[in-house]
Amino acid sequence: MSELYSASSSVSPITAILWCLYPIAVLVIIELLLGGGFDDDNDDQDGGMLIPAYSRSSV
């Protein structure tokens, strides 16, 4: 059991956090490169956000 403790105490907390976050960062970068960039304006044909509460009624 002491071997496990000595192995776990040799890893710094910053290294552990980076090992958790780098896969997410890689996936985000891949999505930005392959997904067309930062253009998030694809909700409707007029360039709006298509929020029904703000749309005019057709009655």
PDB file of N, CA and C in Angstrom:
ATOM      1  N   MET A   1       0.822  -1.191   0.000  1.00  0.00           N
ATOM      2  CA  MET A   1       0.000   0.000   0.000  1.00  0.00           C
ATOM      3  C   MET A   1       0.868   1.258   0.000  1.00  0.00           C
ATOM      4  N   SER A   2       2.021   1.187   0.614  1.00  0.00           N
ATOM      5  CA  SER A   2       2.887   2.358   0.655  1.00  0.00           C
ATOM      6  C   SER A   2       3.441   2.685  -0.737  1.00  0.00           C
ATOM      7  N   GLU A   3       3.553   1.663  -1.611  1.00  0.00           N
ATOM      8  CA  GLU A   3       4.011   1.921  -2.969  1.00  0.00           C
ATOM      9  C   GLU A   3       3.000   2.772  -3.735  1.00  0.00           C
ATOM     10  N   LEU A   4       1.721   2.474  -3.516  1.00  0.00           N
ATOM     11  CA  LEU A   4       0.665   3.248  -4.170  1.00  0.00           C
ATOM     12  C   LEU A   4       0.666   4.692  -3.675  1.00  0.00           C
ATOM     13  N   TYR A   5       0.862   4.866  -2.382  1.00  0.00           N
ATOM     14  CA  TYR A   5       0.891   6.220  -1.830  1.00  0.00           C
ATOM     15  C   TYR A   5       2.083   7.011  -2.355  1.00  0.00           C
ATOM     16  N   SER A   6       3.229   6.385  -2.451  1.00  0.00           N
ATOM     17  CA  SER A   6       4.411   7.103  -2.934  1.00  0.00           C
ATOM     18  C   SER A   6       4.262   7.438  -4.415  1.00  0.00           C
ATOM     19  N   ALA A   7       3.610   6.572  -5.183  1.00  0.00           N
ATOM     20  CA  ALA A   7       3.397   6.854  -6.607  1.00  0.00           C
ATOM     21  C   ALA A   7       2.385   7.974  -6.782  1.00  0.00           C
ATOM     22  N   SER A   8       1.348   8.005  -5.948  1.00  0.00           N
ATOM     23  CA  SER A   8       0.334   9.044  -6.090  1.00  0.00           C
ATOM     24  C   SER A   8       0.815  10.393  -5.575  1.00  0.00           C
ATOM     25  N   SER A   9       1.703  10.404  -4.617  1.00  0.00           N
ATOM     26  CA  SER A   9       2.188  11.677  -4.099  1.00  0.00           C
ATOM     27  C   SER A   9       3.255  12.291  -4.996  1.00  0.00           C
ATOM     28  N   SER A  10       3.774  11.528  -5.957  1.00  0.00           N
ATOM     29  CA  SER A  10       4.786  12.085  -6.845  1.00  0.00           C
ATOM     30  C   SER A  10       4.177  12.890  -7.988  1.00  0.00           C
ATOM     31  N   VAL A  11       2.873  12.797  -8.186  1.00  0.00           N
ATOM     32  CA  VAL A  11       2.181  13.545  -9.237  1.00  0.00           C
ATOM     33  C   VAL A  11       1.660  14.844  -8.635  1.00  0.00           C
ATOM     34  N   SER A  12       2.004  15.968  -9.262  1.00  0.00           N
ATOM     35  CA  SER A  12       1.547  17.248  -8.730  1.00  0.00           C
ATOM     36  C   SER A  12       0.080  17.479  -9.094  1.00  0.00           C
ATOM     37  N   PRO A  13      -0.624  18.284  -8.318  1.00  0.00           N
ATOM     38  CA  PRO A  13      -2.032  18.560  -8.625  1.00  0.00           C
ATOM     39  C   PRO A  13      -2.215  19.250  -9.979  1.00  0.00           C
ATOM     40  N   ILE A  14      -1.278  20.098 -10.380  1.00  0.00           N
ATOM     41  CA  ILE A  14      -1.373  20.766 -11.684  1.00  0.00           C
ATOM     42  C   ILE A  14      -1.299  19.745 -12.811  1.00  0.00           C
ATOM     43  N   THR A  15      -0.413  18.766 -12.672  1.00  0.00           N
ATOM     44  CA  THR A  15      -0.293  17.713 -13.676  1.00  0.00           C
ATOM     45  C   THR A  15      -1.576  16.895 -13.759  1.00  0.00           C
ATOM     46  N   ALA A  16      -2.175  16.597 -12.631  1.00  0.00           N
ATOM     47  CA  ALA A  16      -3.421  15.833 -12.621  1.00  0.00           C
ATOM     48  C   ALA A  16      -4.545  16.612 -13.295  1.00  0.00           C
ATOM     49  N   ILE A  17      -4.626  17.915 -13.047  1.00  0.00           N
ATOM     50  CA  ILE A  17      -5.662  18.740 -13.674  1.00  0.00           C
ATOM     51  C   ILE A  17      -5.442  18.817 -15.178  1.00  0.00           C
ATOM     52  N   LEU A  18      -4.190  18.980 -15.596  1.00  0.00           N
ATOM     53  CA  LEU A  18      -3.903  19.030 -17.026  1.00  0.00           C
ATOM     54  C   LEU A  18      -4.225  17.717 -17.717  1.00  0.00           C
ATOM     55  N   TRP A  19      -3.982  16.588 -17.064  1.00  0.00           N
ATOM     56  CA  TRP A  19      -4.312  15.300 -17.651  1.00  0.00           C
ATOM     57  C   TRP A  19      -5.820  15.134 -17.799  1.00  0.00           C
ATOM     58  N   CYS A  20      -6.601  15.808 -16.965  1.00  0.00           N
ATOM     59  CA  CYS A  20      -8.063  15.745 -17.089  1.00  0.00           C
ATOM     60  C   CYS A  20      -8.575  16.682 -18.179  1.00  0.00           C
ATOM     61  N   LEU A  21      -7.911  17.827 -18.371  1.00  0.00           N
ATOM     62  CA  LEU A  21      -8.435  18.844 -19.281  1.00  0.00           C
ATOM     63  C   LEU A  21      -7.909  18.754 -20.705  1.00  0.00           C
ATOM     64  N   TYR A  22      -6.749  18.142 -20.930  1.00  0.00           N
ATOM     65  CA  TYR A  22      -6.211  18.169 -22.282  1.00  0.00           C
ATOM     66  C   TYR A  22      -7.044  17.367 -23.278  1.00  0.00           C
ATOM     67  N   PRO A  23      -7.690  16.262 -22.922  1.00  0.00           N
ATOM     68  CA  PRO A  23      -8.535  15.594 -23.926  1.00  0.00           C
ATOM     69  C   PRO A  23      -9.714  16.457 -24.361  1.00  0.00           C
ATOM     70  N   ILE A  24     -10.270  17.213 -23.436  1.00  0.00           N
ATOM     71  CA  ILE A  24     -11.385  18.101 -23.768  1.00  0.00           C
ATOM     72  C   ILE A  24     -10.895  19.211 -24.690  1.00  0.00           C
ATOM     73  N   ALA A  25      -9.727  19.762 -24.394  1.00  0.00           N
ATOM     74  CA  ALA A  25      -9.179  20.827 -25.233  1.00  0.00           C
ATOM     75  C   ALA A  25      -8.892  20.325 -26.642  1.00  0.00           C
ATOM     76  N   VAL A  26      -8.388  19.111 -26.758  1.00  0.00           N
ATOM     77  CA  VAL A  26      -8.122  18.544 -28.082  1.00  0.00           C
ATOM     78  C   VAL A  26      -9.417  18.368 -28.856  1.00  0.00           C
ATOM     79  N   LEU A  27     -10.470  17.885 -28.204  1.00  0.00           N
ATOM     80  CA  LEU A  27     -11.756  17.717 -28.879  1.00  0.00           C
ATOM     81  C   LEU A  27     -12.357  19.049 -29.305  1.00  0.00           C
ATOM     82  N   VAL A  28     -12.211  20.087 -28.486  1.00  0.00           N
ATOM     83  CA  VAL A  28     -12.724  21.405 -28.846  1.00  0.00           C
ATOM     84  C   VAL A  28     -11.974  21.961 -30.043  1.00  0.00           C
ATOM     85  N   ILE A  29     -10.675  21.804 -30.076  1.00  0.00           N
ATOM     86  CA  ILE A  29      -9.876  22.298 -31.201  1.00  0.00           C
ATOM     87  C   ILE A  29     -10.243  21.555 -32.481  1.00  0.00           C
ATOM     88  N   ILE A  30     -10.432  20.237 -32.390  1.00  0.00           N
ATOM     89  CA  ILE A  30     -10.835  19.472 -33.565  1.00  0.00           C
ATOM     90  C   ILE A  30     -12.197  19.929 -34.057  1.00  0.00           C
ATOM     91  N   GLU A  31     -13.126  20.173 -33.148  1.00  0.00           N
ATOM     92  CA  GLU A  31     -14.460  20.640 -33.544  1.00  0.00           C
ATOM     93  C   GLU A  31     -14.391  22.011 -34.199  1.00  0.00           C
ATOM     94  N   LEU A  32     -13.560  22.898 -33.691  1.00  0.00           N
ATOM     95  CA  LEU A  32     -13.438  24.220 -34.295  1.00  0.00           C
ATOM     96  C   LEU A  32     -12.817  24.146 -35.685  1.00  0.00           C
ATOM     97  N   LEU A  33     -11.846  23.260 -35.857  1.00  0.00           N
ATOM     98  CA  LEU A  33     -11.201  23.150 -37.157  1.00  0.00           C
ATOM     99  C   LEU A  33     -12.083  22.457 -38.188  1.00  0.00           C
ATOM    100  N   LEU A  34     -12.760  21.402 -37.798  1.00  0.00           N
ATOM    101  CA  LEU A  34     -13.562  20.633 -38.744  1.00  0.00           C
ATOM    102  C   LEU A  34     -15.012  21.096 -38.824  1.00  0.00           C
ATOM    103  N   GLY A  35     -15.487  21.784 -37.793  1.00  0.00           N
ATOM    104  CA  GLY A  35     -16.891  22.164 -37.737  1.00  0.00           C
ATOM    105  C   GLY A  35     -17.195  23.506 -38.357  1.00  0.00           C
ATOM    106  N   GLY A  36     -16.258  24.172 -38.932  1.00  0.00           N
ATOM    107  CA  GLY A  36     -16.527  25.438 -39.586  1.00  0.00           C
ATOM    108  C   GLY A  36     -16.193  26.661 -38.761  1.00  0.00           C
ATOM    109  N   GLY A  37     -15.548  26.521 -37.654  1.00  0.00           N
ATOM    110  CA  GLY A  37     -15.121  27.675 -36.874  1.00  0.00           C
ATOM    111  C   GLY A  37     -16.143  28.123 -35.851  1.00  0.00           C
ATOM    112  N   PHE A  38     -16.185  29.432 -35.628  1.00  0.00           N
ATOM    113  CA  PHE A  38     -17.004  29.996 -34.569  1.00  0.00           C
ATOM    114  C   PHE A  38     -18.382  30.428 -35.042  1.00  0.00           C
ATOM    115  N   ASP A  39     -18.761  30.166 -36.281  1.00  0.00           N
ATOM    116  CA  ASP A  39     -20.051  30.597 -36.807  1.00  0.00           C
ATOM    117  C   ASP A  39     -21.162  29.779 -36.158  1.00  0.00           C
ATOM    118  N   ASP A  40     -21.888  30.407 -35.253  1.00  0.00           N
ATOM    119  CA  ASP A  40     -22.958  29.715 -34.538  1.00  0.00           C
ATOM    120  C   ASP A  40     -24.317  30.283 -34.935  1.00  0.00           C
ATOM    121  N   ASP A  41     -24.407  30.882 -36.093  1.00  0.00           N
ATOM    122  CA  ASP A  41     -25.633  31.547 -36.514  1.00  0.00           C
ATOM    123  C   ASP A  41     -26.366  30.679 -37.533  1.00  0.00           C
ATOM    124  N   ASN A  42     -26.774  29.508 -37.109  1.00  0.00           N
ATOM    125  CA  ASN A  42     -27.447  28.604 -38.019  1.00  0.00           C
ATOM    126  C   ASN A  42     -28.826  28.192 -37.512  1.00  0.00           C
ATOM    127  N   ASP A  43     -29.478  29.068 -36.757  1.00  0.00           N
ATOM    128  CA  ASP A  43     -30.748  28.695 -36.166  1.00  0.00           C
ATOM    129  C   ASP A  43     -31.932  28.899 -37.108  1.00  0.00           C
ATOM    130  N   ASP A  44     -31.928  29.934 -37.905  1.00  0.00           N
ATOM    131  CA  ASP A  44     -32.995  30.117 -38.883  1.00  0.00           C
ATOM    132  C   ASP A  44     -32.467  30.856 -40.101  1.00  0.00           C
ATOM    133  N   GLN A  45     -33.296  31.024 -41.098  1.00  0.00           N
ATOM    134  CA  GLN A  45     -32.837  31.581 -42.367  1.00  0.00           C
ATOM    135  C   GLN A  45     -32.560  33.080 -42.309  1.00  0.00           C
ATOM    136  N   ASP A  46     -33.102  33.805 -41.332  1.00  0.00           N
ATOM    137  CA  ASP A  46     -32.905  35.247 -41.260  1.00  0.00           C
ATOM    138  C   ASP A  46     -31.744  35.654 -40.366  1.00  0.00           C
ATOM    139  N   GLY A  47     -31.051  34.726 -39.773  1.00  0.00           N
ATOM    140  CA  GLY A  47     -29.915  35.055 -38.926  1.00  0.00           C
ATOM    141  C   GLY A  47     -30.287  35.340 -37.492  1.00  0.00           C
ATOM    142  N   GLY A  48     -31.521  35.074 -37.104  1.00  0.00           N
ATOM    143  CA  GLY A  48     -31.959  35.327 -35.733  1.00  0.00           C
ATOM    144  C   GLY A  48     -31.740  34.126 -34.841  1.00  0.00           C
ATOM    145  N   MET A  49     -32.251  34.219 -33.636  1.00  0.00           N
ATOM    146  CA  MET A  49     -32.069  33.137 -32.684  1.00  0.00           C
ATOM    147  C   MET A  49     -33.263  32.189 -32.640  1.00  0.00           C
ATOM    148  N   LEU A  50     -34.358  32.508 -33.329  1.00  0.00           N
ATOM    149  CA  LEU A  50     -35.552  31.676 -33.381  1.00  0.00           C
ATOM    150  C   LEU A  50     -36.082  31.365 -31.981  1.00  0.00           C
ATOM    151  N   ILE A  51     -36.342  32.428 -31.224  1.00  0.00           N
ATOM    152  CA  ILE A  51     -36.936  32.280 -29.903  1.00  0.00           C
ATOM    153  C   ILE A  51     -38.424  32.547 -30.055  1.00  0.00           C
ATOM    154  N   PRO A  52     -39.283  31.540 -29.876  1.00  0.00           N
ATOM    155  CA  PRO A  52     -40.718  31.714 -30.127  1.00  0.00           C
ATOM    156  C   PRO A  52     -41.368  32.801 -29.267  1.00  0.00           C
ATOM    157  N   ALA A  53     -40.849  33.050 -28.075  1.00  0.00           N
ATOM    158  CA  ALA A  53     -41.468  34.056 -27.209  1.00  0.00           C
ATOM    159  C   ALA A  53     -41.303  35.461 -27.789  1.00  0.00           C
ATOM    160  N   TYR A  54     -40.290  35.692 -28.596  1.00  0.00           N
ATOM    161  CA  TYR A  54     -40.056  37.001 -29.165  1.00  0.00           C
ATOM    162  C   TYR A  54     -40.609  37.152 -30.582  1.00  0.00           C
ATOM    163  N   SER A  55     -41.145  36.095 -31.137  1.00  0.00           N
ATOM    164  CA  SER A  55     -41.663  36.194 -32.507  1.00  0.00           C
ATOM    165  C   SER A  55     -43.084  36.742 -32.486  1.00  0.00           C
ATOM    166  N   ARG A  56     -43.445  37.420 -33.576  1.00  0.00           N
ATOM    167  CA  ARG A  56     -44.786  37.973 -33.683  1.00  0.00           C
ATOM    168  C   ARG A  56     -45.774  36.864 -34.018  1.00  0.00           C
ATOM    169  N   SER A  57     -46.950  37.011 -33.552  1.00  0.00           N
ATOM    170  CA  SER A  57     -47.976  36.004 -33.869  1.00  0.00           C
ATOM    171  C   SER A  57     -48.504  36.263 -35.274  1.00  0.00           C
ATOM    172  N   SER A  58     -48.910  35.221 -35.926  1.00  0.00           N
ATOM    173  CA  SER A  58     -49.407  35.337 -37.295  1.00  0.00           C
ATOM    174  C   SER A  58     -50.921  35.429 -37.346  1.00  0.00           C
ATOM    175  N   VAL A  59     -51.590  35.676 -36.234  1.00  0.00           N
ATOM    176  CA  VAL A  59     -53.051  35.764 -36.196  1.00  0.00           C
ATOM    177  C   VAL A  59     -53.505  37.166 -36.480  1.00  0.00           C
TER     178      VAL A  59
END
